[in-house]
Amino acid sequence: MSNLTVSRHFVQASLVGAESLGFDTRELLIEAGISPELLRIEMARVNSDQFSRLMQVLWSRLDDEFMGMGPRRARSGTFATMCALVIDCPTLEAVYRQAYQFSRLFEPMVTMELNTSGEHARLVTRIEGDIHDPHYFLRESLLVIWHRLGSWLIGQPIELERAEFDYPRPSHGDEYRHIFHCPLEFESSQTALTFDKRFLSAPVIRDKPEMRQFLKTSPADLLSRPDESNTFTGKIRTLIGRDFSRPLPDFEWIAAELHTSPQTLRRRLKQENTSFQEIKDLLRRDMAIYYLSRQELPINDIASKVGFTEPSTFHRAFKKWTGVTPGAYREGERGTLVK
């Protein structure tokens, strides 16, 4: 079962380049196991497995890791070649320096450059030439992939202090809260990620066999499956679990399990752009979407599985999350939605 879901926006945004190149986007969606009819629901979401498959389909069919949005093509294997170079680096700083040197070999350049100042380190987006990225998906992907690749290589999440974007807050800007888990600044002078300089000295702990395994599903999985294991959000999701048919642990118990006070935990969740109630709501939403894809499960049973004693309460909550009833959502999954 996928732990997380991905907004319809990112599915549609990822297809912009393919569409401009004349590809049949319905065919690409079906190949990835996504019902095109589901995307007619404005607040629809797909599971992380589906989104990961879509990324792999796009890179394979277009033979372009920029998915038709960049100033040039990045042929399949570019990311893997960069990873083969950085796996021998001793530290995170060496990884980012080496990755930049590799990326700048290609013109026009599309990369992230590491800058340091005082106690802070910044990964700054460097894109030369014209791009076809009306929904910012290419730029978002670049930030996410470089950040999560570095985190994976050193075996710990690089805690972000700030994420900056040189464009106005987009309509899907609320999704950024759950991607970056840090304060967000739009209409900045640069698109960049800032973090504590101490992470740069962290040693690379992965080896070549691990990298070969990692590359079987990356960078697709980097985009669809964030490593939240070391965030308070991720730790709370793990403590809550998936069995909502039993009473959920209360906030005080969660805080005690995490060896912190309730006040400190609330403050840390605020820093991660979320709250205990939102974590519970989004976990219920993602589980409900997963269960609805299992056509054999009656909707009333799904309501019980995600912690609702009354089906009518579940229907209201699900409509608040997605804009449609559970029945209409399931029809979208089946491809039988009538609107």
C-alpha atoms as a PDB file:
ATOM      1  CA  MET A   1       0.000   0.000   0.000  1.00  0.00           C
ATOM      2  CA  SER A   2       1.321   3.446  -0.923  1.00  0.00           C
ATOM      3  CA  ASN A   3       1.670   5.716   2.103  1.00  0.00           C
ATOM      4  CA  LEU A   4       1.120   8.956   0.233  1.00  0.00           C
ATOM      5  CA  THR A   5      -0.905  10.354  -2.624  1.00  0.00           C
ATOM      6  CA  VAL A   6       0.003  12.929  -5.273  1.00  0.00           C
ATOM      7  CA  SER A   7      -2.244  15.787  -6.378  1.00  0.00           C
ATOM      8  CA  ARG A   8      -3.895  15.751  -9.821  1.00  0.00           C
ATOM      9  CA  HIS A   9      -2.041  18.996 -10.500  1.00  0.00           C
ATOM     10  CA  PHE A  10       1.358  17.286 -10.569  1.00  0.00           C
ATOM     11  CA  VAL A  11       0.059  14.541 -12.857  1.00  0.00           C
ATOM     12  CA  GLN A  12      -1.213  17.081 -15.368  1.00  0.00           C
ATOM     13  CA  ALA A  13       1.837  19.338 -15.006  1.00  0.00           C
ATOM     14  CA  SER A  14       4.173  16.426 -15.733  1.00  0.00           C
ATOM     15  CA  LEU A  15       2.426  15.828 -19.073  1.00  0.00           C
ATOM     16  CA  VAL A  16       2.816  19.367 -20.473  1.00  0.00           C
ATOM     17  CA  GLY A  17       6.043  18.649 -22.366  1.00  0.00           C
ATOM     18  CA  ALA A  18       4.768  15.364 -23.813  1.00  0.00           C
ATOM     19  CA  GLU A  19       1.587  17.066 -24.982  1.00  0.00           C
ATOM     20  CA  SER A  20       3.529  19.865 -26.697  1.00  0.00           C
ATOM     21  CA  LEU A  21       5.581  17.214 -28.522  1.00  0.00           C
ATOM     22  CA  GLY A  22       2.436  15.556 -29.857  1.00  0.00           C
ATOM     23  CA  PHE A  23       2.273  12.510 -27.570  1.00  0.00           C
ATOM     24  CA  ASP A  24      -1.119  11.010 -26.688  1.00  0.00           C
ATOM     25  CA  THR A  25      -1.307  11.829 -22.980  1.00  0.00           C
ATOM     26  CA  ARG A  26      -4.313   9.514 -22.424  1.00  0.00           C
ATOM     27  CA  GLU A  27      -2.196   6.645 -23.673  1.00  0.00           C
ATOM     28  CA  LEU A  28       0.673   7.633 -21.348  1.00  0.00           C
ATOM     29  CA  LEU A  29      -1.691   7.797 -18.366  1.00  0.00           C
ATOM     30  CA  ILE A  30      -3.193   4.392 -19.121  1.00  0.00           C
ATOM     31  CA  GLU A  31       0.278   2.887 -19.491  1.00  0.00           C
ATOM     32  CA  ALA A  32       1.051   4.212 -16.005  1.00  0.00           C
ATOM     33  CA  GLY A  33      -2.158   2.710 -14.594  1.00  0.00           C
ATOM     34  CA  ILE A  34      -3.968   6.044 -14.159  1.00  0.00           C
ATOM     35  CA  SER A  35      -7.538   6.490 -15.371  1.00  0.00           C
ATOM     36  CA  PRO A  36      -7.753   9.636 -17.553  1.00  0.00           C
ATOM     37  CA  GLU A  37     -11.359  10.044 -16.356  1.00  0.00           C
ATOM     38  CA  LEU A  38     -10.151  10.322 -12.753  1.00  0.00           C
ATOM     39  CA  LEU A  39      -8.353  13.555 -13.682  1.00  0.00           C
ATOM     40  CA  ARG A  40     -11.679  15.158 -14.520  1.00  0.00           C
ATOM     41  CA  ILE A  41     -12.184  15.386 -10.753  1.00  0.00           C
ATOM     42  CA  GLU A  42     -10.573  18.683  -9.786  1.00  0.00           C
ATOM     43  CA  MET A  43      -9.241  17.530  -6.394  1.00  0.00           C
ATOM     44  CA  ALA A  44      -8.325  13.983  -7.494  1.00  0.00           C
ATOM     45  CA  ARG A  45      -5.130  12.332  -6.288  1.00  0.00           C
ATOM     46  CA  VAL A  46      -3.149   9.289  -7.463  1.00  0.00           C
ATOM     47  CA  ASN A  47      -1.072   6.978  -5.310  1.00  0.00           C
ATOM     48  CA  SER A  48       2.704   7.232  -5.263  1.00  0.00           C
ATOM     49  CA  ASP A  49       3.119   3.951  -7.195  1.00  0.00           C
ATOM     50  CA  GLN A  50       1.062   5.341 -10.077  1.00  0.00           C
ATOM     51  CA  PHE A  51       2.946   8.640 -10.118  1.00  0.00           C
ATOM     52  CA  SER A  52       6.298   6.875 -10.036  1.00  0.00           C
ATOM     53  CA  ARG A  53       5.224   4.716 -12.998  1.00  0.00           C
ATOM     54  CA  LEU A  54       4.099   7.822 -14.889  1.00  0.00           C
ATOM     55  CA  MET A  55       7.532   9.407 -14.443  1.00  0.00           C
ATOM     56  CA  GLN A  56       9.184   6.243 -15.746  1.00  0.00           C
ATOM     57  CA  VAL A  57       6.810   6.095 -18.730  1.00  0.00           C
ATOM     58  CA  LEU A  58       7.518   9.741 -19.604  1.00  0.00           C
ATOM     59  CA  TRP A  59      11.299   9.392 -19.414  1.00  0.00           C
ATOM     60  CA  SER A  60      11.203   6.201 -21.451  1.00  0.00           C
ATOM     61  CA  ARG A  61       8.766   7.295 -24.161  1.00  0.00           C
ATOM     62  CA  LEU A  62      10.262  10.782 -24.589  1.00  0.00           C
ATOM     63  CA  ASP A  63      13.876   9.648 -24.025  1.00  0.00           C
ATOM     64  CA  ASP A  64      14.170  12.877 -22.085  1.00  0.00           C
ATOM     65  CA  GLU A  65      14.588  13.224 -18.324  1.00  0.00           C
ATOM     66  CA  PHE A  66      13.421  16.849 -18.631  1.00  0.00           C
ATOM     67  CA  MET A  67      10.100  15.469 -20.002  1.00  0.00           C
ATOM     68  CA  GLY A  68      10.015  17.911 -22.913  1.00  0.00           C
ATOM     69  CA  MET A  69      10.140  20.969 -20.644  1.00  0.00           C
ATOM     70  CA  GLY A  70      13.846  21.824 -20.660  1.00  0.00           C
ATOM     71  CA  PRO A  71      15.951  24.024 -22.952  1.00  0.00           C
ATOM     72  CA  ARG A  72      17.344  20.801 -24.415  1.00  0.00           C
ATOM     73  CA  ARG A  73      16.928  17.060 -24.131  1.00  0.00           C
ATOM     74  CA  ALA A  74      18.449  15.078 -21.243  1.00  0.00           C
ATOM     75  CA  ARG A  75      18.601  11.579 -22.670  1.00  0.00           C
ATOM     76  CA  SER A  76      17.652   8.614 -20.488  1.00  0.00           C
ATOM     77  CA  GLY A  77      20.642   7.635 -18.379  1.00  0.00           C
ATOM     78  CA  THR A  78      21.851  11.164 -17.656  1.00  0.00           C
ATOM     79  CA  PHE A  79      20.783  11.010 -14.005  1.00  0.00           C
ATOM     80  CA  ALA A  80      22.230   7.500 -13.603  1.00  0.00           C
ATOM     81  CA  THR A  81      25.581   8.657 -15.010  1.00  0.00           C
ATOM     82  CA  MET A  82      25.678  11.566 -12.565  1.00  0.00           C
ATOM     83  CA  CYS A  83      24.911   9.162  -9.708  1.00  0.00           C
ATOM     84  CA  ALA A  84      27.738   6.835 -10.829  1.00  0.00           C
ATOM     85  CA  LEU A  85      30.126   9.797 -10.514  1.00  0.00           C
ATOM     86  CA  VAL A  86      28.990  11.036  -7.096  1.00  0.00           C
ATOM     87  CA  ILE A  87      28.779   7.653  -5.328  1.00  0.00           C
ATOM     88  CA  ASP A  88      32.556   7.757  -4.746  1.00  0.00           C
ATOM     89  CA  CYS A  89      32.452  11.218  -3.156  1.00  0.00           C
ATOM     90  CA  PRO A  90      33.430  11.298   0.542  1.00  0.00           C
ATOM     91  CA  THR A  91      30.935  13.931   1.767  1.00  0.00           C
ATOM     92  CA  LEU A  92      27.697  15.670   0.831  1.00  0.00           C
ATOM     93  CA  GLU A  93      29.611  18.810  -0.133  1.00  0.00           C
ATOM     94  CA  ALA A  94      31.739  16.804  -2.564  1.00  0.00           C
ATOM     95  CA  VAL A  95      28.546  15.226  -3.989  1.00  0.00           C
ATOM     96  CA  TYR A  96      26.964  18.579  -4.782  1.00  0.00           C
ATOM     97  CA  ARG A  97      30.213  20.030  -6.189  1.00  0.00           C
ATOM     98  CA  GLN A  98      30.744  16.970  -8.419  1.00  0.00           C
ATOM     99  CA  ALA A  99      27.120  16.906  -9.575  1.00  0.00           C
ATOM    100  CA  TYR A 100      27.339  20.563 -10.570  1.00  0.00           C
ATOM    101  CA  GLN A 101      30.554  19.995 -12.540  1.00  0.00           C
ATOM    102  CA  PHE A 102      28.897  17.097 -14.378  1.00  0.00           C
ATOM    103  CA  SER A 103      25.711  19.040 -15.181  1.00  0.00           C
ATOM    104  CA  ARG A 104      27.532  22.105 -16.497  1.00  0.00           C
ATOM    105  CA  LEU A 105      29.126  19.975 -19.234  1.00  0.00           C
ATOM    106  CA  PHE A 106      25.807  20.134 -21.102  1.00  0.00           C
ATOM    107  CA  GLU A 107      24.597  23.294 -22.829  1.00  0.00           C
ATOM    108  CA  PRO A 108      22.270  24.953 -22.093  1.00  0.00           C
ATOM    109  CA  MET A 109      22.930  24.183 -18.428  1.00  0.00           C
ATOM    110  CA  VAL A 110      20.205  22.888 -16.092  1.00  0.00           C
ATOM    111  CA  THR A 111      21.568  22.269 -12.603  1.00  0.00           C
ATOM    112  CA  MET A 112      21.803  23.269  -8.945  1.00  0.00           C
ATOM    113  CA  GLU A 113      24.858  25.124  -7.646  1.00  0.00           C
ATOM    114  CA  LEU A 114      26.048  24.927  -4.040  1.00  0.00           C
ATOM    115  CA  ASN A 115      26.886  28.219  -2.306  1.00  0.00           C
ATOM    116  CA  THR A 116      27.939  28.697   1.319  1.00  0.00           C
ATOM    117  CA  SER A 117      27.810  31.742   3.580  1.00  0.00           C
ATOM    118  CA  GLY A 118      28.497  31.686   7.305  1.00  0.00           C
ATOM    119  CA  GLU A 119      26.601  28.766   8.859  1.00  0.00           C
ATOM    120  CA  HIS A 120      24.283  28.335   5.876  1.00  0.00           C
ATOM    121  CA  ALA A 121      24.448  26.369   2.643  1.00  0.00           C
ATOM    122  CA  ARG A 122      22.249  27.047  -0.407  1.00  0.00           C
ATOM    123  CA  LEU A 123      21.429  24.987  -3.472  1.00  0.00           C
ATOM    124  CA  VAL A 124      20.586  27.533  -6.170  1.00  0.00           C
ATOM    125  CA  THR A 125      18.823  26.642  -9.425  1.00  0.00           C
ATOM    126  CA  ARG A 126      20.822  27.460 -12.580  1.00  0.00           C
ATOM    127  CA  ILE A 127      18.860  27.156 -15.829  1.00  0.00           C
ATOM    128  CA  GLU A 128      20.141  28.578 -19.101  1.00  0.00           C
ATOM    129  CA  GLY A 129      18.018  29.018 -22.221  1.00  0.00           C
ATOM    130  CA  ASP A 130      14.261  28.886 -22.669  1.00  0.00           C
ATOM    131  CA  ILE A 131      12.135  26.304 -20.905  1.00  0.00           C
ATOM    132  CA  HIS A 132       8.555  25.147 -21.441  1.00  0.00           C
ATOM    133  CA  ASP A 133       7.514  24.882 -17.800  1.00  0.00           C
ATOM    134  CA  PRO A 134       4.233  26.797 -17.354  1.00  0.00           C
ATOM    135  CA  HIS A 135       3.306  24.946 -14.141  1.00  0.00           C
ATOM    136  CA  TYR A 136       6.840  25.003 -12.628  1.00  0.00           C
ATOM    137  CA  PHE A 137       7.075  21.195 -12.636  1.00  0.00           C
ATOM    138  CA  LEU A 138      10.607  21.023 -14.054  1.00  0.00           C
ATOM    139  CA  ARG A 139      11.890  23.549 -11.525  1.00  0.00           C
ATOM    140  CA  GLU A 140      10.107  21.819  -8.633  1.00  0.00           C
ATOM    141  CA  SER A 141      11.504  18.455  -9.743  1.00  0.00           C
ATOM    142  CA  LEU A 142      15.051  19.788  -9.849  1.00  0.00           C
ATOM    143  CA  LEU A 143      14.817  21.028  -6.243  1.00  0.00           C
ATOM    144  CA  VAL A 144      13.217  17.826  -4.984  1.00  0.00           C
ATOM    145  CA  ILE A 145      15.585  15.422  -6.769  1.00  0.00           C
ATOM    146  CA  TRP A 146      18.797  17.159  -5.673  1.00  0.00           C
ATOM    147  CA  HIS A 147      17.581  17.515  -2.083  1.00  0.00           C
ATOM    148  CA  ARG A 148      16.327  13.933  -1.726  1.00  0.00           C
ATOM    149  CA  LEU A 149      19.296  12.406  -3.561  1.00  0.00           C
ATOM    150  CA  GLY A 150      21.656  14.122  -1.127  1.00  0.00           C
ATOM    151  CA  SER A 151      19.559  12.975   1.837  1.00  0.00           C
ATOM    152  CA  TRP A 152      19.606   9.379   0.595  1.00  0.00           C
ATOM    153  CA  LEU A 153      23.365   9.394   0.039  1.00  0.00           C
ATOM    154  CA  ILE A 154      24.128  10.514   3.606  1.00  0.00           C
ATOM    155  CA  GLY A 155      21.377   8.403   5.170  1.00  0.00           C
ATOM    156  CA  GLN A 156      19.524  11.276   6.834  1.00  0.00           C
ATOM    157  CA  PRO A 157      17.100  13.967   5.690  1.00  0.00           C
ATOM    158  CA  ILE A 158      18.751  17.316   5.025  1.00  0.00           C
ATOM    159  CA  GLU A 159      16.582  19.584   7.183  1.00  0.00           C
ATOM    160  CA  LEU A 160      15.636  22.654   5.152  1.00  0.00           C
ATOM    161  CA  GLU A 161      15.602  26.099   6.734  1.00  0.00           C
ATOM    162  CA  ARG A 162      13.957  27.861   3.798  1.00  0.00           C
ATOM    163  CA  ALA A 163      12.740  27.242   0.253  1.00  0.00           C
ATOM    164  CA  GLU A 164      12.698  30.202  -2.166  1.00  0.00           C
ATOM    165  CA  PHE A 165      11.040  30.523  -5.553  1.00  0.00           C
ATOM    166  CA  ASP A 166      11.601  33.247  -8.148  1.00  0.00           C
ATOM    167  CA  TYR A 167       7.953  33.123  -9.225  1.00  0.00           C
ATOM    168  CA  PRO A 168       4.617  34.064  -7.619  1.00  0.00           C
ATOM    169  CA  ARG A 169       2.879  31.588  -5.324  1.00  0.00           C
ATOM    170  CA  PRO A 170       1.151  29.185  -7.751  1.00  0.00           C
ATOM    171  CA  SER A 171      -2.404  27.928  -7.372  1.00  0.00           C
ATOM    172  CA  HIS A 172      -1.036  24.606  -6.062  1.00  0.00           C
ATOM    173  CA  GLY A 173       1.291  26.388  -3.627  1.00  0.00           C
ATOM    174  CA  ASP A 174      -0.336  24.721  -0.612  1.00  0.00           C
ATOM    175  CA  GLU A 175       1.158  21.403  -1.762  1.00  0.00           C
ATOM    176  CA  TYR A 176       4.634  22.872  -1.192  1.00  0.00           C
ATOM    177  CA  ARG A 177       4.067  22.710   2.580  1.00  0.00           C
ATOM    178  CA  HIS A 178       4.151  18.920   2.424  1.00  0.00           C
ATOM    179  CA  ILE A 179       7.035  18.738  -0.053  1.00  0.00           C
ATOM    180  CA  PHE A 180       9.592  20.982   1.628  1.00  0.00           C
ATOM    181  CA  HIS A 181       8.559  21.058   5.337  1.00  0.00           C
ATOM    182  CA  CYS A 182      10.061  24.516   5.874  1.00  0.00           C
ATOM    183  CA  PRO A 183       9.195  28.226   5.509  1.00  0.00           C
ATOM    184  CA  LEU A 184       8.399  29.169   1.892  1.00  0.00           C
ATOM    185  CA  GLU A 185       9.243  32.436   0.094  1.00  0.00           C
ATOM    186  CA  PHE A 186       7.746  33.258  -3.305  1.00  0.00           C
ATOM    187  CA  GLU A 187       8.744  36.058  -5.705  1.00  0.00           C
ATOM    188  CA  SER A 188      12.308  35.744  -4.405  1.00  0.00           C
ATOM    189  CA  SER A 189      15.384  36.734  -6.427  1.00  0.00           C
ATOM    190  CA  GLN A 190      16.353  33.056  -6.865  1.00  0.00           C
ATOM    191  CA  THR A 191      14.906  29.556  -6.676  1.00  0.00           C
ATOM    192  CA  ALA A 192      16.926  27.889  -3.928  1.00  0.00           C
ATOM    193  CA  LEU A 193      16.991  25.649  -0.854  1.00  0.00           C
ATOM    194  CA  THR A 194      18.792  26.758   2.320  1.00  0.00           C
ATOM    195  CA  PHE A 195      20.023  24.387   5.014  1.00  0.00           C
ATOM    196  CA  ASP A 196      22.573  24.237   7.842  1.00  0.00           C
ATOM    197  CA  LYS A 197      26.153  24.048   6.594  1.00  0.00           C
ATOM    198  CA  ARG A 198      26.887  21.171   9.023  1.00  0.00           C
ATOM    199  CA  PHE A 199      25.160  18.746   6.631  1.00  0.00           C
ATOM    200  CA  LEU A 200      27.896  19.327   4.041  1.00  0.00           C
ATOM    201  CA  SER A 201      30.437  17.420   6.135  1.00  0.00           C
ATOM    202  CA  ALA A 202      28.150  14.384   6.487  1.00  0.00           C
ATOM    203  CA  PRO A 203      29.803  11.295   4.956  1.00  0.00           C
ATOM    204  CA  VAL A 204      28.317   9.416   2.010  1.00  0.00           C
ATOM    205  CA  ILE A 205      27.245   6.044   3.481  1.00  0.00           C
ATOM    206  CA  ARG A 206      25.891   4.332   0.338  1.00  0.00           C
ATOM    207  CA  ASP A 207      27.890   1.955  -1.847  1.00  0.00           C
ATOM    208  CA  LYS A 208      27.728   0.941  -5.507  1.00  0.00           C
ATOM    209  CA  PRO A 209      25.434  -2.109  -5.035  1.00  0.00           C
ATOM    210  CA  GLU A 210      22.976   0.106  -3.112  1.00  0.00           C
ATOM    211  CA  MET A 211      23.191   2.700  -5.883  1.00  0.00           C
ATOM    212  CA  ARG A 212      22.389   0.084  -8.546  1.00  0.00           C
ATOM    213  CA  GLN A 213      19.291  -0.927  -6.582  1.00  0.00           C
ATOM    214  CA  PHE A 214      18.362   2.719  -6.002  1.00  0.00           C
ATOM    215  CA  LEU A 215      18.556   3.513  -9.731  1.00  0.00           C
ATOM    216  CA  LYS A 216      16.010   0.820 -10.612  1.00  0.00           C
ATOM    217  CA  THR A 217      13.241   3.186  -9.491  1.00  0.00           C
ATOM    218  CA  SER A 218      14.932   6.593  -9.275  1.00  0.00           C
ATOM    219  CA  PRO A 219      14.648   9.467  -9.806  1.00  0.00           C
ATOM    220  CA  ALA A 220      10.939   8.578 -10.170  1.00  0.00           C
ATOM    221  CA  ASP A 221      10.683   7.435  -6.549  1.00  0.00           C
ATOM    222  CA  LEU A 222      12.483  10.558  -5.337  1.00  0.00           C
ATOM    223  CA  LEU A 223       9.613  12.618  -6.734  1.00  0.00           C
ATOM    224  CA  SER A 224       6.779  10.370  -5.552  1.00  0.00           C
ATOM    225  CA  ARG A 225       8.032   9.034  -2.213  1.00  0.00           C
ATOM    226  CA  PRO A 226       9.656  11.559   0.121  1.00  0.00           C
ATOM    227  CA  ASP A 227      11.679  10.128   2.996  1.00  0.00           C
ATOM    228  CA  GLU A 228       9.818  11.471   6.027  1.00  0.00           C
ATOM    229  CA  SER A 229      11.325   8.960   8.441  1.00  0.00           C
ATOM    230  CA  ASN A 230      13.283  11.636  10.295  1.00  0.00           C
ATOM    231  CA  THR A 231      10.581  14.325  10.301  1.00  0.00           C
ATOM    232  CA  PHE A 232       8.050  14.640  13.086  1.00  0.00           C
ATOM    233  CA  THR A 233       5.315  14.341  10.469  1.00  0.00           C
ATOM    234  CA  GLY A 234       6.671  10.983   9.320  1.00  0.00           C
ATOM    235  CA  LYS A 235       7.249   9.722  12.860  1.00  0.00           C
ATOM    236  CA  ILE A 236       3.670  10.579  13.834  1.00  0.00           C
ATOM    237  CA  ARG A 237       2.279   8.869  10.722  1.00  0.00           C
ATOM    238  CA  THR A 238       4.222   5.749  11.723  1.00  0.00           C
ATOM    239  CA  LEU A 239       2.972   5.864  15.326  1.00  0.00           C
ATOM    240  CA  ILE A 240      -0.641   6.299  14.197  1.00  0.00           C
ATOM    241  CA  GLY A 241      -0.327   3.370  11.803  1.00  0.00           C
ATOM    242  CA  ARG A 242      -3.019   2.328   9.335  1.00  0.00           C
ATOM    243  CA  ASP A 243      -5.640   0.744  11.575  1.00  0.00           C
ATOM    244  CA  PHE A 244      -8.205   3.486  12.081  1.00  0.00           C
ATOM    245  CA  SER A 245     -10.835   0.983  13.263  1.00  0.00           C
ATOM    246  CA  ARG A 246      -9.262   1.289  16.735  1.00  0.00           C
ATOM    247  CA  PRO A 247      -9.137   4.488  18.821  1.00  0.00           C
ATOM    248  CA  LEU A 248      -6.237   6.684  17.715  1.00  0.00           C
ATOM    249  CA  PRO A 249      -3.469   7.583  20.145  1.00  0.00           C
ATOM    250  CA  ASP A 250      -3.856  11.055  21.605  1.00  0.00           C
ATOM    251  CA  PHE A 251      -1.385  13.886  21.166  1.00  0.00           C
ATOM    252  CA  GLU A 252       0.069  13.575  24.669  1.00  0.00           C
ATOM    253  CA  TRP A 253       0.851   9.865  24.114  1.00  0.00           C
ATOM    254  CA  ILE A 254       2.460  10.680  20.751  1.00  0.00           C
ATOM    255  CA  ALA A 255       4.625  13.386  22.366  1.00  0.00           C
ATOM    256  CA  ALA A 256       5.720  10.989  25.128  1.00  0.00           C
ATOM    257  CA  GLU A 257       6.636   8.316  22.553  1.00  0.00           C
ATOM    258  CA  LEU A 258       8.769  10.902  20.743  1.00  0.00           C
ATOM    259  CA  HIS A 259      10.428  11.941  24.033  1.00  0.00           C
ATOM    260  CA  THR A 260       9.290  15.525  23.798  1.00  0.00           C
ATOM    261  CA  SER A 261       6.662  17.768  25.378  1.00  0.00           C
ATOM    262  CA  PRO A 262       3.314  18.477  23.678  1.00  0.00           C
ATOM    263  CA  GLN A 263       4.271  22.172  23.434  1.00  0.00           C
ATOM    264  CA  THR A 264       7.585  21.406  21.715  1.00  0.00           C
ATOM    265  CA  LEU A 265       5.927  18.925  19.356  1.00  0.00           C
ATOM    266  CA  ARG A 266       3.285  21.487  18.323  1.00  0.00           C
ATOM    267  CA  ARG A 267       6.059  23.982  17.601  1.00  0.00           C
ATOM    268  CA  ARG A 268       8.027  21.446  15.539  1.00  0.00           C
ATOM    269  CA  LEU A 269       4.933  20.507  13.525  1.00  0.00           C
ATOM    270  CA  LYS A 270       4.300  24.189  12.857  1.00  0.00           C
ATOM    271  CA  GLN A 271       7.874  24.441  11.542  1.00  0.00           C
ATOM    272  CA  GLU A 272       7.054  21.501   9.229  1.00  0.00           C
ATOM    273  CA  ASN A 273       3.969  23.406   7.991  1.00  0.00           C
ATOM    274  CA  THR A 274       1.422  21.018   9.484  1.00  0.00           C
ATOM    275  CA  SER A 275      -0.531  20.027  12.617  1.00  0.00           C
ATOM    276  CA  PHE A 276      -1.569  16.816  14.396  1.00  0.00           C
ATOM    277  CA  GLN A 277      -5.131  17.150  13.095  1.00  0.00           C
ATOM    278  CA  GLU A 278      -3.946  17.673   9.523  1.00  0.00           C
ATOM    279  CA  ILE A 279      -1.650  14.628   9.712  1.00  0.00           C
ATOM    280  CA  LYS A 280      -4.607  12.471  10.821  1.00  0.00           C
ATOM    281  CA  ASP A 281      -6.922  13.926   8.159  1.00  0.00           C
ATOM    282  CA  LEU A 282      -4.425  13.450   5.307  1.00  0.00           C
ATOM    283  CA  LEU A 283      -3.616   9.915   6.433  1.00  0.00           C
ATOM    284  CA  ARG A 284      -7.332   9.077   6.429  1.00  0.00           C
ATOM    285  CA  ARG A 285      -7.721  10.689   2.993  1.00  0.00           C
ATOM    286  CA  ASP A 286      -4.805   8.767   1.483  1.00  0.00           C
ATOM    287  CA  MET A 287      -6.033   5.476   2.960  1.00  0.00           C
ATOM    288  CA  ALA A 288      -9.558   6.092   1.689  1.00  0.00           C
ATOM    289  CA  ILE A 289      -8.249   6.764  -1.841  1.00  0.00           C
ATOM    290  CA  TYR A 290      -6.207   3.560  -1.681  1.00  0.00           C
ATOM    291  CA  TYR A 291      -9.188   1.477  -0.528  1.00  0.00           C
ATOM    292  CA  LEU A 292     -11.471   2.982  -3.193  1.00  0.00           C
ATOM    293  CA  SER A 293      -9.102   1.644  -5.851  1.00  0.00           C
ATOM    294  CA  ARG A 294      -9.901  -1.852  -4.562  1.00  0.00           C
ATOM    295  CA  GLN A 295     -13.190  -2.277  -6.367  1.00  0.00           C
ATOM    296  CA  GLU A 296     -14.277  -5.293  -4.298  1.00  0.00           C
ATOM    297  CA  LEU A 297     -14.475  -3.263  -1.064  1.00  0.00           C
ATOM    298  CA  PRO A 298     -17.946  -1.800  -0.277  1.00  0.00           C
ATOM    299  CA  ILE A 299     -17.832   1.920   0.461  1.00  0.00           C
ATOM    300  CA  ASN A 300     -19.428   1.439   3.881  1.00  0.00           C
ATOM    301  CA  ASP A 301     -16.611  -0.961   4.817  1.00  0.00           C
ATOM    302  CA  ILE A 302     -14.061   1.624   3.695  1.00  0.00           C
ATOM    303  CA  ALA A 303     -15.699   4.201   5.969  1.00  0.00           C
ATOM    304  CA  SER A 304     -15.158   1.874   8.912  1.00  0.00           C
ATOM    305  CA  LYS A 305     -11.577   1.064   7.894  1.00  0.00           C
ATOM    306  CA  VAL A 306     -10.601   4.746   7.933  1.00  0.00           C
ATOM    307  CA  GLY A 307     -12.223   5.416  11.293  1.00  0.00           C
ATOM    308  CA  PHE A 308     -15.764   6.634  10.588  1.00  0.00           C
ATOM    309  CA  THR A 309     -18.617   5.006  12.520  1.00  0.00           C
ATOM    310  CA  GLU A 310     -21.237   6.611  10.261  1.00  0.00           C
ATOM    311  CA  PRO A 311     -20.983   6.274   6.446  1.00  0.00           C
ATOM    312  CA  SER A 312     -22.656   9.684   6.039  1.00  0.00           C
ATOM    313  CA  THR A 313     -19.854  11.336   8.035  1.00  0.00           C
ATOM    314  CA  PHE A 314     -17.292   9.618   5.826  1.00  0.00           C
ATOM    315  CA  HIS A 315     -19.084  10.841   2.673  1.00  0.00           C
ATOM    316  CA  ARG A 316     -19.006  14.444   3.938  1.00  0.00           C
ATOM    317  CA  ALA A 317     -15.344  14.243   4.917  1.00  0.00           C
ATOM    318  CA  PHE A 318     -14.330  12.629   1.619  1.00  0.00           C
ATOM    319  CA  LYS A 319     -16.199  15.279  -0.375  1.00  0.00           C
ATOM    320  CA  LYS A 320     -14.350  17.946   1.617  1.00  0.00           C
ATOM    321  CA  TRP A 321     -11.007  16.270   0.776  1.00  0.00           C
ATOM    322  CA  THR A 322     -11.608  15.631  -2.920  1.00  0.00           C
ATOM    323  CA  GLY A 323     -14.652  17.645  -4.002  1.00  0.00           C
ATOM    324  CA  VAL A 324     -16.695  14.522  -4.872  1.00  0.00           C
ATOM    325  CA  THR A 325     -18.386  11.623  -3.087  1.00  0.00           C
ATOM    326  CA  PRO A 326     -16.588   8.294  -2.619  1.00  0.00           C
ATOM    327  CA  GLY A 327     -18.902   6.741  -5.233  1.00  0.00           C
ATOM    328  CA  ALA A 328     -18.087   9.386  -7.850  1.00  0.00           C
ATOM    329  CA  TYR A 329     -14.376   9.038  -7.096  1.00  0.00           C
ATOM    330  CA  ARG A 330     -14.551   5.284  -7.610  1.00  0.00           C
ATOM    331  CA  GLU A 331     -16.321   5.837 -10.940  1.00  0.00           C
ATOM    332  CA  GLY A 332     -13.416   8.077 -11.968  1.00  0.00           C
ATOM    333  CA  GLU A 333     -10.990   5.288 -11.056  1.00  0.00           C
ATOM    334  CA  ARG A 334     -13.036   2.847 -13.160  1.00  0.00           C
ATOM    335  CA  GLY A 335     -13.269   5.255 -16.083  1.00  0.00           C
ATOM    336  CA  THR A 336     -17.060   5.428 -15.839  1.00  0.00           C
ATOM    337  CA  LEU A 337     -17.414   8.928 -14.382  1.00  0.00           C
ATOM    338  CA  VAL A 338     -20.251  10.929 -15.929  1.00  0.00           C
ATOM    339  CA  LYS A 339     -19.937  14.701 -15.538  1.00  0.00           C
END
